Amino acid sequence: MRRHFLRTMLGGAALAAGLPGCTPPHQFHGTDITGVPYAGRLDLPDADGKPRSLAEFKGKTVVVFFGYVHCPDVCPTTMAELREVKQLLGPDGARLQVIFVTLDPARDLPGMLKPYVQAFDPSFIALRGTPEQTTAAAAEFKVFFEKVPGDQPDQYTIDHTAGAYVFDATGKPRLFEHYGTKPQDWVEDIKAL
């Protein structure tokens, strides 16, 4: 009896998925991280020194990306793609908040950090903590980063996690979008949230 009931229910679900007006759930391009026990808190000052928190952006879809200004490839590429995502969203782009968290507070001084992110879009926000705050924020988000020495002491690079976290309008972490995700795929995922 139980098997028949389950078979009937599963068959009904499959039939319903094929009916007009019944759409299957969205298959995210990013990794679905709904319910993870990390990436729930981000409290850092912005480039102007004003304390900022994820909680203040409830009602918006938020993208949090960890990087640094002197990054030669991943960071500027990701930021340019996020600018394109916002443009592709059209009027809904006003409900997208991009937050760039520097992993290099020693070099990413406020006078260069704010113009860097706003060159991509004036609404983008940069956060810059102390080295200790930066390490704690990266740990909260499970973001790896490591300084790689260069020829001169101030010419180092930073290896870091290349991807971004997407929060829904209630402030919950929902997706991890990997580096190289196409802007149109970002848009589909954000609209689905």
N, C-alpha and C. Protein backbone atom coordinates (compact mmCIF):
# COMPACT_ATOMS: atom_id res chain seq x y z
N MET A 1 0.83 -1.19 0.00
CA MET A 1 0.00 0.00 0.00
C MET A 1 0.87 1.25 0.00
N ARG A 2 1.89 1.25 0.89
CA ARG A 2 2.78 2.41 1.00
C ARG A 2 3.53 2.65 -0.32
N ARG A 3 4.04 1.55 -0.95
CA ARG A 3 4.75 1.67 -2.22
C ARG A 3 3.85 2.27 -3.29
N HIS A 4 2.60 1.79 -3.33
CA HIS A 4 1.65 2.29 -4.32
C HIS A 4 1.42 3.79 -4.09
N PHE A 5 1.27 4.19 -2.85
CA PHE A 5 1.05 5.61 -2.51
C PHE A 5 2.23 6.45 -2.96
N LEU A 6 3.46 5.98 -2.66
CA LEU A 6 4.65 6.74 -3.06
C LEU A 6 4.77 6.81 -4.58
N ARG A 7 4.51 5.68 -5.25
CA ARG A 7 4.59 5.67 -6.71
C ARG A 7 3.56 6.63 -7.30
N THR A 8 2.37 6.64 -6.74
CA THR A 8 1.31 7.54 -7.20
C THR A 8 1.71 8.99 -6.98
N MET A 9 2.26 9.28 -5.80
CA MET A 9 2.68 10.65 -5.49
C MET A 9 3.80 11.09 -6.41
N LEU A 10 4.81 10.24 -6.61
CA LEU A 10 5.93 10.59 -7.48
C LEU A 10 5.48 10.75 -8.92
N GLY A 11 4.60 9.87 -9.35
CA GLY A 11 4.07 9.98 -10.71
C GLY A 11 3.28 11.26 -10.89
N GLY A 12 2.50 11.62 -9.86
CA GLY A 12 1.73 12.87 -9.90
C GLY A 12 2.64 14.08 -9.94
N ALA A 13 3.74 14.03 -9.20
CA ALA A 13 4.68 15.14 -9.19
C ALA A 13 5.33 15.29 -10.56
N ALA A 14 5.70 14.16 -11.17
CA ALA A 14 6.32 14.22 -12.50
C ALA A 14 5.34 14.76 -13.52
N LEU A 15 4.07 14.34 -13.42
CA LEU A 15 3.05 14.82 -14.33
C LEU A 15 2.84 16.32 -14.15
N ALA A 16 2.77 16.77 -12.89
CA ALA A 16 2.55 18.19 -12.61
C ALA A 16 3.68 19.03 -13.16
N ALA A 17 4.91 18.50 -13.11
CA ALA A 17 6.06 19.26 -13.61
C ALA A 17 5.95 19.49 -15.11
N GLY A 18 5.23 18.60 -15.81
CA GLY A 18 5.08 18.75 -17.24
C GLY A 18 3.85 19.52 -17.66
N LEU A 19 2.98 19.89 -16.75
CA LEU A 19 1.76 20.61 -17.08
C LEU A 19 2.05 22.08 -17.36
N PRO A 20 1.29 22.69 -18.25
CA PRO A 20 1.46 24.12 -18.49
C PRO A 20 1.23 24.90 -17.20
N GLY A 21 2.04 25.91 -16.97
CA GLY A 21 1.91 26.72 -15.76
C GLY A 21 2.65 26.17 -14.56
N CYS A 22 3.12 24.94 -14.65
CA CYS A 22 3.89 24.33 -13.56
C CYS A 22 5.36 24.32 -13.96
N THR A 23 6.12 25.18 -13.37
CA THR A 23 7.54 25.25 -13.73
C THR A 23 8.37 24.51 -12.71
N PRO A 24 9.36 23.75 -13.19
CA PRO A 24 10.24 23.09 -12.24
C PRO A 24 11.08 24.13 -11.51
N PRO A 25 11.61 23.80 -10.34
CA PRO A 25 12.42 24.77 -9.61
C PRO A 25 13.66 25.17 -10.41
N HIS A 26 14.12 26.39 -10.19
CA HIS A 26 15.29 26.92 -10.90
C HIS A 26 16.53 26.10 -10.55
N GLN A 27 17.28 25.73 -11.55
CA GLN A 27 18.56 25.05 -11.35
C GLN A 27 19.64 26.13 -11.32
N PHE A 28 20.17 26.42 -10.14
CA PHE A 28 21.14 27.49 -9.99
C PHE A 28 22.43 27.18 -10.72
N HIS A 29 23.04 28.22 -11.27
CA HIS A 29 24.36 28.10 -11.90
C HIS A 29 25.43 28.06 -10.82
N GLY A 30 25.21 28.83 -9.73
CA GLY A 30 26.12 28.83 -8.60
C GLY A 30 25.81 27.66 -7.68
N THR A 31 26.63 27.52 -6.65
CA THR A 31 26.43 26.46 -5.66
C THR A 31 25.42 26.93 -4.62
N ASP A 32 24.36 26.16 -4.43
CA ASP A 32 23.33 26.49 -3.44
C ASP A 32 23.89 26.23 -2.04
N ILE A 33 24.01 27.28 -1.23
CA ILE A 33 24.55 27.15 0.12
C ILE A 33 23.49 27.48 1.17
N THR A 34 22.24 27.41 0.79
CA THR A 34 21.15 27.72 1.72
C THR A 34 21.31 26.92 3.00
N GLY A 35 21.28 27.61 4.13
CA GLY A 35 21.33 26.95 5.43
C GLY A 35 22.72 26.69 5.97
N VAL A 36 23.77 27.16 5.29
CA VAL A 36 25.12 26.91 5.80
C VAL A 36 25.33 27.63 7.13
N PRO A 37 26.17 27.08 8.02
CA PRO A 37 26.39 27.70 9.33
C PRO A 37 27.50 28.76 9.30
N TYR A 38 27.84 29.27 8.14
CA TYR A 38 28.87 30.30 8.04
C TYR A 38 28.38 31.41 7.10
N ALA A 39 29.18 32.44 6.93
CA ALA A 39 28.85 33.57 6.05
C ALA A 39 27.59 34.30 6.50
N GLY A 40 27.31 34.27 7.78
CA GLY A 40 26.10 34.92 8.27
C GLY A 40 26.31 36.31 8.82
N ARG A 41 27.58 36.69 8.99
CA ARG A 41 27.83 37.97 9.65
C ARG A 41 29.00 38.68 8.98
N LEU A 42 28.83 39.97 8.76
CA LEU A 42 29.90 40.79 8.19
C LEU A 42 29.76 42.19 8.76
N ASP A 43 30.64 42.54 9.67
CA ASP A 43 30.64 43.86 10.31
C ASP A 43 32.02 44.47 10.16
N LEU A 44 32.16 45.39 9.21
CA LEU A 44 33.43 46.05 8.95
C LEU A 44 33.17 47.50 8.59
N PRO A 45 34.16 48.37 8.79
CA PRO A 45 33.98 49.75 8.34
C PRO A 45 34.11 49.85 6.82
N ASP A 46 33.41 50.83 6.24
CA ASP A 46 33.57 51.06 4.81
C ASP A 46 34.79 51.95 4.57
N ALA A 47 35.02 52.34 3.35
CA ALA A 47 36.21 53.12 3.01
C ALA A 47 36.21 54.49 3.67
N ASP A 48 35.04 54.95 4.11
CA ASP A 48 34.94 56.24 4.83
C ASP A 48 35.06 56.06 6.34
N GLY A 49 35.22 54.82 6.79
CA GLY A 49 35.34 54.55 8.22
C GLY A 49 34.01 54.32 8.91
N LYS A 50 32.90 54.36 8.16
CA LYS A 50 31.57 54.15 8.75
C LYS A 50 31.32 52.65 8.96
N PRO A 51 30.92 52.23 10.17
CA PRO A 51 30.62 50.81 10.40
C PRO A 51 29.47 50.34 9.51
N ARG A 52 29.67 49.20 8.86
CA ARG A 52 28.63 48.64 7.98
C ARG A 52 28.36 47.21 8.40
N SER A 53 27.15 46.75 8.08
CA SER A 53 26.72 45.41 8.45
C SER A 53 25.80 44.87 7.37
N LEU A 54 25.78 43.57 7.19
CA LEU A 54 24.86 42.96 6.22
C LEU A 54 23.41 43.28 6.54
N ALA A 55 23.12 43.43 7.83
CA ALA A 55 21.73 43.66 8.25
C ALA A 55 21.14 44.92 7.64
N GLU A 56 21.96 45.92 7.34
CA GLU A 56 21.42 47.17 6.81
C GLU A 56 20.95 47.05 5.35
N PHE A 57 21.25 45.93 4.70
CA PHE A 57 20.89 45.77 3.30
C PHE A 57 19.71 44.82 3.08
N LYS A 58 19.00 44.50 4.16
CA LYS A 58 17.82 43.64 4.01
C LYS A 58 16.84 44.30 3.03
N GLY A 59 16.24 43.47 2.20
CA GLY A 59 15.37 43.99 1.15
C GLY A 59 16.08 44.04 -0.19
N LYS A 60 17.40 43.86 -0.18
CA LYS A 60 18.19 43.83 -1.40
C LYS A 60 18.87 42.48 -1.54
N THR A 61 19.20 42.13 -2.76
CA THR A 61 20.08 41.00 -2.99
C THR A 61 21.50 41.53 -2.85
N VAL A 62 22.32 40.87 -2.07
CA VAL A 62 23.66 41.35 -1.77
C VAL A 62 24.68 40.35 -2.29
N VAL A 63 25.72 40.88 -2.96
CA VAL A 63 26.84 40.07 -3.40
C VAL A 63 28.07 40.52 -2.61
N VAL A 64 28.72 39.58 -1.93
CA VAL A 64 29.93 39.88 -1.16
C VAL A 64 31.10 39.20 -1.85
N PHE A 65 32.10 40.02 -2.20
CA PHE A 65 33.29 39.51 -2.89
C PHE A 65 34.54 39.97 -2.14
N PHE A 66 35.42 39.04 -1.82
CA PHE A 66 36.68 39.35 -1.15
C PHE A 66 37.78 39.44 -2.21
N GLY A 67 38.55 40.54 -2.18
CA GLY A 67 39.62 40.71 -3.15
C GLY A 67 40.57 41.81 -2.71
N TYR A 68 41.29 42.36 -3.66
CA TYR A 68 42.19 43.47 -3.33
C TYR A 68 42.47 44.29 -4.59
N VAL A 69 42.76 45.56 -4.40
CA VAL A 69 42.89 46.52 -5.49
C VAL A 69 44.01 46.15 -6.46
N HIS A 70 45.14 45.69 -5.96
CA HIS A 70 46.29 45.39 -6.82
C HIS A 70 46.18 44.04 -7.53
N CYS A 71 45.08 43.36 -7.36
CA CYS A 71 44.85 42.06 -8.01
C CYS A 71 44.92 42.24 -9.53
N PRO A 72 45.73 41.44 -10.20
CA PRO A 72 45.92 41.64 -11.64
C PRO A 72 44.82 41.08 -12.54
N ASP A 73 43.99 40.17 -12.03
CA ASP A 73 43.06 39.52 -12.94
C ASP A 73 41.69 39.20 -12.36
N VAL A 74 41.62 38.35 -11.35
CA VAL A 74 40.35 37.87 -10.83
C VAL A 74 39.46 39.02 -10.32
N CYS A 75 40.03 39.91 -9.55
CA CYS A 75 39.22 40.97 -8.92
C CYS A 75 38.64 41.96 -9.93
N PRO A 76 39.47 42.55 -10.80
CA PRO A 76 38.86 43.48 -11.75
C PRO A 76 37.89 42.80 -12.71
N THR A 77 38.18 41.55 -13.06
CA THR A 77 37.26 40.82 -13.94
C THR A 77 35.92 40.61 -13.25
N THR A 78 35.96 40.16 -12.00
CA THR A 78 34.72 39.91 -11.25
C THR A 78 33.93 41.20 -11.06
N MET A 79 34.62 42.27 -10.71
CA MET A 79 33.93 43.55 -10.50
C MET A 79 33.29 44.05 -11.80
N ALA A 80 33.98 43.90 -12.92
CA ALA A 80 33.42 44.31 -14.21
C ALA A 80 32.20 43.45 -14.56
N GLU A 81 32.27 42.15 -14.24
CA GLU A 81 31.12 41.27 -14.49
C GLU A 81 29.94 41.66 -13.62
N LEU A 82 30.21 42.04 -12.37
CA LEU A 82 29.12 42.46 -11.48
C LEU A 82 28.48 43.76 -11.96
N ARG A 83 29.29 44.65 -12.54
CA ARG A 83 28.72 45.87 -13.15
C ARG A 83 27.77 45.47 -14.27
N GLU A 84 28.20 44.51 -15.10
CA GLU A 84 27.35 44.05 -16.20
C GLU A 84 26.08 43.39 -15.69
N VAL A 85 26.20 42.60 -14.62
CA VAL A 85 25.03 41.96 -14.01
C VAL A 85 24.02 43.02 -13.60
N LYS A 86 24.50 44.06 -12.93
CA LYS A 86 23.59 45.13 -12.49
C LYS A 86 22.90 45.78 -13.68
N GLN A 87 23.64 46.01 -14.75
CA GLN A 87 23.05 46.61 -15.95
C GLN A 87 22.02 45.68 -16.58
N LEU A 88 22.34 44.39 -16.65
CA LEU A 88 21.42 43.42 -17.26
C LEU A 88 20.13 43.27 -16.46
N LEU A 89 20.19 43.55 -15.18
CA LEU A 89 18.99 43.46 -14.34
C LEU A 89 18.01 44.61 -14.63
N GLY A 90 18.46 45.61 -15.35
CA GLY A 90 17.59 46.75 -15.67
C GLY A 90 17.15 47.46 -14.41
N PRO A 91 15.86 47.81 -14.32
CA PRO A 91 15.37 48.52 -13.13
C PRO A 91 15.59 47.74 -11.82
N ASP A 92 15.61 46.38 -11.92
CA ASP A 92 15.85 45.57 -10.72
C ASP A 92 17.29 45.70 -10.22
N GLY A 93 18.18 46.27 -11.02
CA GLY A 93 19.56 46.47 -10.61
C GLY A 93 19.67 47.37 -9.39
N ALA A 94 18.66 48.22 -9.17
CA ALA A 94 18.65 49.09 -7.99
C ALA A 94 18.51 48.28 -6.70
N ARG A 95 18.04 47.02 -6.84
CA ARG A 95 17.88 46.16 -5.65
C ARG A 95 19.05 45.22 -5.45
N LEU A 96 20.18 45.48 -6.16
CA LEU A 96 21.39 44.68 -6.01
C LEU A 96 22.45 45.53 -5.33
N GLN A 97 23.04 45.00 -4.26
CA GLN A 97 24.13 45.69 -3.56
C GLN A 97 25.39 44.84 -3.63
N VAL A 98 26.43 45.38 -4.23
CA VAL A 98 27.72 44.69 -4.30
C VAL A 98 28.62 45.25 -3.21
N ILE A 99 29.23 44.33 -2.45
CA ILE A 99 30.15 44.70 -1.37
C ILE A 99 31.50 44.04 -1.65
N PHE A 100 32.53 44.87 -1.76
CA PHE A 100 33.90 44.40 -1.99
C PHE A 100 34.63 44.49 -0.66
N VAL A 101 35.16 43.38 -0.18
CA VAL A 101 35.90 43.35 1.09
C VAL A 101 37.37 43.18 0.75
N THR A 102 38.20 44.17 1.13
CA THR A 102 39.61 44.05 0.81
C THR A 102 40.31 43.05 1.72
N LEU A 103 41.17 42.26 1.09
CA LEU A 103 42.02 41.32 1.82
C LEU A 103 43.41 41.92 2.04
N ASP A 104 43.58 43.17 1.64
CA ASP A 104 44.88 43.84 1.70
C ASP A 104 44.75 45.23 2.31
N PRO A 105 44.34 45.31 3.59
CA PRO A 105 44.14 46.64 4.18
C PRO A 105 45.42 47.46 4.28
N ALA A 106 46.59 46.81 4.24
CA ALA A 106 47.85 47.55 4.32
C ALA A 106 48.05 48.45 3.10
N ARG A 107 47.69 47.96 1.94
CA ARG A 107 47.87 48.76 0.71
C ARG A 107 46.59 49.40 0.23
N ASP A 108 45.45 48.76 0.47
CA ASP A 108 44.18 49.28 -0.02
C ASP A 108 43.66 50.36 0.94
N LEU A 109 44.30 51.49 0.88
CA LEU A 109 43.93 52.61 1.76
C LEU A 109 42.61 53.22 1.29
N PRO A 110 41.89 53.88 2.20
CA PRO A 110 40.57 54.41 1.85
C PRO A 110 40.57 55.29 0.59
N GLY A 111 41.62 56.11 0.43
CA GLY A 111 41.68 57.01 -0.72
C GLY A 111 41.76 56.31 -2.07
N MET A 112 42.18 55.06 -2.09
CA MET A 112 42.22 54.32 -3.35
C MET A 112 41.12 53.27 -3.42
N LEU A 113 40.67 52.78 -2.29
CA LEU A 113 39.68 51.70 -2.26
C LEU A 113 38.31 52.15 -2.75
N LYS A 114 37.85 53.27 -2.24
CA LYS A 114 36.52 53.77 -2.64
C LYS A 114 36.48 54.10 -4.14
N PRO A 115 37.46 54.88 -4.67
CA PRO A 115 37.42 55.14 -6.12
C PRO A 115 37.53 53.86 -6.96
N TYR A 116 38.26 52.87 -6.47
CA TYR A 116 38.41 51.61 -7.20
C TYR A 116 37.05 50.95 -7.41
N VAL A 117 36.29 50.75 -6.33
CA VAL A 117 35.01 50.05 -6.49
C VAL A 117 33.98 50.92 -7.21
N GLN A 118 34.01 52.23 -6.96
CA GLN A 118 33.02 53.10 -7.59
C GLN A 118 33.31 53.35 -9.06
N ALA A 119 34.54 53.03 -9.51
CA ALA A 119 34.83 53.10 -10.94
C ALA A 119 34.03 52.03 -11.69
N PHE A 120 33.69 50.96 -11.01
CA PHE A 120 32.86 49.92 -11.62
C PHE A 120 31.39 50.31 -11.55
N ASP A 121 30.96 50.81 -10.41
CA ASP A 121 29.59 51.31 -10.26
C ASP A 121 29.53 52.18 -9.01
N PRO A 122 28.92 53.36 -9.09
CA PRO A 122 28.88 54.26 -7.93
C PRO A 122 28.18 53.69 -6.71
N SER A 123 27.33 52.67 -6.90
CA SER A 123 26.62 52.09 -5.76
C SER A 123 27.42 51.01 -5.04
N PHE A 124 28.50 50.54 -5.63
CA PHE A 124 29.29 49.48 -5.02
C PHE A 124 29.98 50.03 -3.77
N ILE A 125 30.07 49.19 -2.74
CA ILE A 125 30.65 49.59 -1.45
C ILE A 125 31.91 48.77 -1.19
N ALA A 126 32.92 49.44 -0.63
CA ALA A 126 34.15 48.76 -0.24
C ALA A 126 34.25 48.74 1.28
N LEU A 127 34.64 47.59 1.83
CA LEU A 127 34.85 47.47 3.27
C LEU A 127 36.32 47.21 3.53
N ARG A 128 36.83 47.84 4.60
CA ARG A 128 38.25 47.70 4.94
C ARG A 128 38.39 47.64 6.46
N GLY A 129 38.77 46.49 6.95
CA GLY A 129 38.99 46.32 8.38
C GLY A 129 40.46 46.36 8.72
N THR A 130 40.76 46.17 9.97
CA THR A 130 42.15 46.00 10.41
C THR A 130 42.60 44.63 9.91
N PRO A 131 43.89 44.33 9.96
CA PRO A 131 44.32 42.98 9.57
C PRO A 131 43.60 41.89 10.38
N GLU A 132 43.39 42.13 11.66
CA GLU A 132 42.70 41.14 12.51
C GLU A 132 41.24 40.99 12.09
N GLN A 133 40.57 42.11 11.82
CA GLN A 133 39.17 42.06 11.39
C GLN A 133 39.05 41.37 10.03
N THR A 134 40.01 41.63 9.17
CA THR A 134 40.01 41.02 7.84
C THR A 134 40.15 39.51 7.95
N THR A 135 41.07 39.06 8.79
CA THR A 135 41.26 37.61 8.99
C THR A 135 39.99 36.98 9.56
N ALA A 136 39.35 37.66 10.51
CA ALA A 136 38.12 37.13 11.11
C ALA A 136 36.99 37.07 10.09
N ALA A 137 36.85 38.11 9.27
CA ALA A 137 35.79 38.12 8.26
C ALA A 137 36.02 37.02 7.23
N ALA A 138 37.26 36.86 6.80
CA ALA A 138 37.58 35.80 5.83
C ALA A 138 37.27 34.42 6.43
N ALA A 139 37.60 34.23 7.69
CA ALA A 139 37.31 32.95 8.36
C ALA A 139 35.81 32.71 8.43
N GLU A 140 35.04 33.75 8.74
CA GLU A 140 33.58 33.63 8.81
C GLU A 140 33.00 33.18 7.47
N PHE A 141 33.61 33.62 6.37
CA PHE A 141 33.12 33.29 5.04
C PHE A 141 33.87 32.11 4.41
N LYS A 142 34.80 31.51 5.17
CA LYS A 142 35.60 30.40 4.65
C LYS A 142 36.36 30.80 3.39
N VAL A 143 36.86 32.05 3.40
CA VAL A 143 37.64 32.57 2.29
C VAL A 143 39.12 32.36 2.60
N PHE A 144 39.80 31.68 1.70
CA PHE A 144 41.24 31.47 1.84
C PHE A 144 41.95 32.68 1.25
N PHE A 145 43.02 33.15 1.95
CA PHE A 145 43.90 34.14 1.34
C PHE A 145 45.29 34.02 1.93
N GLU A 146 46.29 34.27 1.08
CA GLU A 146 47.68 34.11 1.49
C GLU A 146 48.55 35.07 0.68
N LYS A 147 49.39 35.80 1.38
CA LYS A 147 50.30 36.73 0.75
C LYS A 147 51.41 35.96 0.02
N VAL A 148 51.69 36.36 -1.24
CA VAL A 148 52.74 35.75 -2.03
C VAL A 148 53.80 36.81 -2.28
N PRO A 149 55.00 36.66 -1.69
CA PRO A 149 56.03 37.70 -1.82
C PRO A 149 56.43 37.94 -3.28
N GLY A 150 56.75 39.21 -3.58
CA GLY A 150 57.25 39.59 -4.90
C GLY A 150 58.72 39.97 -4.81
N ASP A 151 59.21 40.66 -5.82
CA ASP A 151 60.62 41.08 -5.85
C ASP A 151 60.93 42.14 -4.80
N GLN A 152 59.94 42.99 -4.52
CA GLN A 152 60.09 44.05 -3.51
C GLN A 152 59.05 43.80 -2.42
N PRO A 153 59.30 44.28 -1.19
CA PRO A 153 58.34 44.04 -0.09
C PRO A 153 56.92 44.52 -0.38
N ASP A 154 56.78 45.61 -1.15
CA ASP A 154 55.44 46.15 -1.41
C ASP A 154 54.86 45.65 -2.75
N GLN A 155 55.50 44.69 -3.37
CA GLN A 155 55.03 44.19 -4.67
C GLN A 155 54.48 42.77 -4.58
N TYR A 156 53.94 42.42 -3.44
CA TYR A 156 53.37 41.08 -3.26
C TYR A 156 52.01 40.96 -3.95
N THR A 157 51.60 39.74 -4.15
CA THR A 157 50.24 39.46 -4.60
C THR A 157 49.55 38.66 -3.49
N ILE A 158 48.28 38.42 -3.64
CA ILE A 158 47.53 37.64 -2.66
C ILE A 158 46.75 36.56 -3.39
N ASP A 159 47.06 35.32 -3.08
CA ASP A 159 46.22 34.22 -3.56
C ASP A 159 44.97 34.20 -2.70
N HIS A 160 43.82 34.08 -3.33
CA HIS A 160 42.57 34.10 -2.54
C HIS A 160 41.46 33.35 -3.24
N THR A 161 40.45 33.01 -2.48
CA THR A 161 39.26 32.37 -3.01
C THR A 161 38.66 33.25 -4.09
N ALA A 162 38.41 32.67 -5.25
CA ALA A 162 37.88 33.42 -6.38
C ALA A 162 36.41 33.07 -6.58
N GLY A 163 35.56 33.76 -5.91
CA GLY A 163 34.13 33.53 -6.01
C GLY A 163 33.43 34.53 -5.12
N ALA A 164 32.12 34.58 -5.19
CA ALA A 164 31.36 35.56 -4.42
C ALA A 164 30.12 34.92 -3.80
N TYR A 165 29.73 35.48 -2.67
CA TYR A 165 28.54 35.03 -1.95
C TYR A 165 27.35 35.89 -2.33
N VAL A 166 26.20 35.24 -2.53
CA VAL A 166 24.97 35.96 -2.84
C VAL A 166 23.99 35.73 -1.70
N PHE A 167 23.47 36.84 -1.17
CA PHE A 167 22.49 36.82 -0.08
C PHE A 167 21.14 37.24 -0.63
N ASP A 168 20.08 36.57 -0.16
CA ASP A 168 18.74 36.95 -0.61
C ASP A 168 18.26 38.20 0.14
N ALA A 169 17.08 38.65 -0.19
CA ALA A 169 16.56 39.89 0.38
C ALA A 169 16.28 39.81 1.88
N THR A 170 16.27 38.60 2.44
CA THR A 170 16.08 38.47 3.89
C THR A 170 17.41 38.48 4.63
N GLY A 171 18.53 38.53 3.87
CA GLY A 171 19.85 38.56 4.48
C GLY A 171 20.47 37.20 4.69
N LYS A 172 19.90 36.16 4.09
CA LYS A 172 20.44 34.80 4.26
C LYS A 172 21.39 34.45 3.11
N PRO A 173 22.53 33.79 3.43
CA PRO A 173 23.41 33.34 2.35
C PRO A 173 22.74 32.23 1.55
N ARG A 174 22.72 32.40 0.22
CA ARG A 174 22.00 31.43 -0.62
C ARG A 174 22.87 30.77 -1.68
N LEU A 175 23.83 31.53 -2.24
CA LEU A 175 24.61 31.00 -3.34
C LEU A 175 26.08 31.37 -3.21
N PHE A 176 26.94 30.50 -3.74
CA PHE A 176 28.33 30.85 -3.96
C PHE A 176 28.53 30.78 -5.46
N GLU A 177 28.79 31.94 -6.06
CA GLU A 177 29.01 32.01 -7.51
C GLU A 177 30.51 31.92 -7.77
N HIS A 178 30.90 30.96 -8.57
CA HIS A 178 32.31 30.71 -8.84
C HIS A 178 32.86 31.70 -9.85
N TYR A 179 34.15 31.94 -9.77
CA TYR A 179 34.82 32.81 -10.73
C TYR A 179 34.59 32.27 -12.14
N GLY A 180 34.26 33.16 -13.04
CA GLY A 180 34.01 32.75 -14.42
C GLY A 180 32.55 32.52 -14.74
N THR A 181 31.65 32.66 -13.75
CA THR A 181 30.23 32.55 -14.03
C THR A 181 29.83 33.69 -14.97
N LYS A 182 29.12 33.37 -16.02
CA LYS A 182 28.73 34.38 -17.01
C LYS A 182 27.72 35.35 -16.40
N PRO A 183 27.80 36.63 -16.76
CA PRO A 183 26.84 37.61 -16.22
C PRO A 183 25.38 37.19 -16.40
N GLN A 184 25.03 36.62 -17.55
CA GLN A 184 23.64 36.21 -17.76
C GLN A 184 23.23 35.10 -16.78
N ASP A 185 24.18 34.22 -16.43
CA ASP A 185 23.88 33.17 -15.45
C ASP A 185 23.69 33.78 -14.06
N TRP A 186 24.52 34.78 -13.72
CA TRP A 186 24.31 35.51 -12.46
C TRP A 186 22.89 36.08 -12.42
N VAL A 187 22.51 36.72 -13.51
CA VAL A 187 21.20 37.38 -13.58
C VAL A 187 20.08 36.36 -13.36
N GLU A 188 20.18 35.21 -14.02
CA GLU A 188 19.14 34.18 -13.84
C GLU A 188 19.07 33.74 -12.38
N ASP A 189 20.21 33.53 -11.75
CA ASP A 189 20.21 33.10 -10.35
C ASP A 189 19.64 34.18 -9.44
N ILE A 190 20.04 35.42 -9.66
CA ILE A 190 19.56 36.52 -8.81
C ILE A 190 18.05 36.70 -8.98
N LYS A 191 17.56 36.62 -10.20
CA LYS A 191 16.10 36.74 -10.43
C LYS A 191 15.36 35.59 -9.74
N ALA A 192 15.95 34.40 -9.75
CA ALA A 192 15.31 33.25 -9.11
C ALA A 192 15.21 33.42 -7.61
N LEU A 193 16.15 34.17 -7.01
CA LEU A 193 16.08 34.42 -5.57
C LEU A 193 14.99 35.41 -5.23
